[in-house]
Protein backbone atom coordinates (compact mmCIF):
# COMPACT_ATOMS: atom_id res chain seq x y z
CA MET A 1 -29.83 4.64 -6.94
CA LEU A 2 -30.27 1.74 -4.53
CA HIS A 3 -27.93 -0.36 -6.66
CA THR A 4 -25.18 2.28 -6.37
CA ILE A 5 -25.56 2.56 -2.60
CA LEU A 6 -25.43 -1.22 -2.29
CA ASN A 7 -22.27 -1.34 -4.41
CA ILE A 8 -20.58 1.31 -2.27
CA PHE A 9 -21.56 -0.61 0.87
CA LEU A 10 -20.18 -3.87 -0.52
CA ILE A 11 -16.92 -2.25 -1.61
CA THR A 12 -16.51 -0.74 1.86
CA LEU A 13 -17.07 -4.15 3.44
CA LEU A 14 -14.59 -5.72 1.04
CA VAL A 15 -11.87 -3.18 1.88
CA ALA A 16 -12.49 -3.46 5.63
CA GLY A 17 -12.52 -7.25 5.47
CA THR A 18 -9.32 -7.34 3.45
CA PHE A 19 -7.56 -5.07 5.95
CA SER A 20 -8.74 -7.15 8.92
CA THR A 21 -7.73 -10.40 7.24
CA LEU A 22 -4.26 -9.10 6.35
CA LEU A 23 -3.74 -7.82 9.91
CA GLY A 24 -4.71 -11.24 11.26
CA LEU A 25 -2.39 -13.03 8.84
CA LEU A 26 0.46 -10.69 9.80
CA THR A 27 -0.16 -11.46 13.49
CA ILE A 28 -0.13 -15.21 12.88
CA PHE A 29 3.03 -14.88 10.77
CA TYR A 30 4.88 -13.13 13.61
CA TRP A 31 3.64 -15.73 16.08
CA PHE A 32 5.08 -18.61 14.11
CA LYS A 33 8.20 -17.21 12.46
CA PRO A 34 11.43 -18.68 13.82
CA ALA A 35 12.86 -16.85 16.80
CA ASP A 36 16.16 -14.99 16.45
CA LYS A 37 19.12 -16.20 18.48
CA PRO A 38 19.48 -16.45 21.52
CA ASN A 39 15.71 -16.93 21.83
CA ASP A 40 14.33 -20.44 21.81
CA GLU A 41 10.99 -22.04 20.93
CA SER A 42 9.41 -21.13 24.28
CA ASN A 43 9.57 -17.44 23.37
CA ARG A 44 6.90 -18.10 20.73
CA ILE A 45 4.52 -19.10 23.53
CA ASN A 46 5.54 -15.99 25.48
CA ASN A 47 4.79 -13.80 22.46
CA ILE A 48 1.32 -15.29 22.06
CA THR A 49 0.68 -14.97 25.80
CA SER A 50 1.78 -11.32 25.81
CA TRP A 51 -0.48 -10.59 22.85
CA TRP A 52 -3.44 -12.21 24.58
CA ILE A 53 -2.85 -10.38 27.87
CA GLY A 54 -2.53 -7.08 26.01
CA LEU A 55 -5.76 -7.76 24.15
CA THR A 56 -7.87 -8.94 27.07
CA ARG A 57 -6.32 -7.22 30.11
CA PRO A 58 -4.62 -3.93 29.19
CA GLU A 59 -4.49 -2.90 32.87
CA VAL A 60 -1.89 -5.65 33.42
CA LEU A 61 0.39 -4.12 30.79
CA GLY A 62 -0.26 -0.67 32.23
CA THR A 63 1.13 -1.73 35.59
CA SER A 64 4.00 -3.67 34.02
CA TYR A 65 5.56 -1.15 31.65
CA LYS A 66 6.18 2.55 32.19
CA LEU A 67 5.57 3.15 28.49
CA PHE A 68 1.95 2.02 28.82
CA ARG A 69 1.27 4.08 31.96
CA GLN A 70 2.28 7.38 30.37
CA ASP A 71 0.48 9.54 27.87
CA VAL A 72 1.75 9.31 24.27
CA MET A 73 3.13 12.87 24.37
CA ASP A 74 5.04 12.04 27.58
CA ASN A 75 6.60 9.07 25.78
CA ILE A 76 7.68 11.33 22.91
CA LYS A 77 9.16 13.84 25.35
CA ASP A 78 11.11 11.03 27.07
CA ILE A 79 12.57 9.98 23.71
CA ASN A 80 13.62 13.54 22.89
CA LYS A 81 15.51 13.95 26.21
């Protein structure tokens, strides 16, 4: 019984860890992939900076973009207009 519970716990950790690792790798990939024209290399730094600001200070994004100030349903209604 205890062995089964431990196996379920370990499988859950494995799945969660795999998802988190893949999400992190995807983030790093998008940070370092070459920028499309007319963007230059400095946009990579801007992308990383925007990600960090969004992660650590969401209130800054809320005051910067109308999309982040509104409720999700309000955003959907704006798209449907």
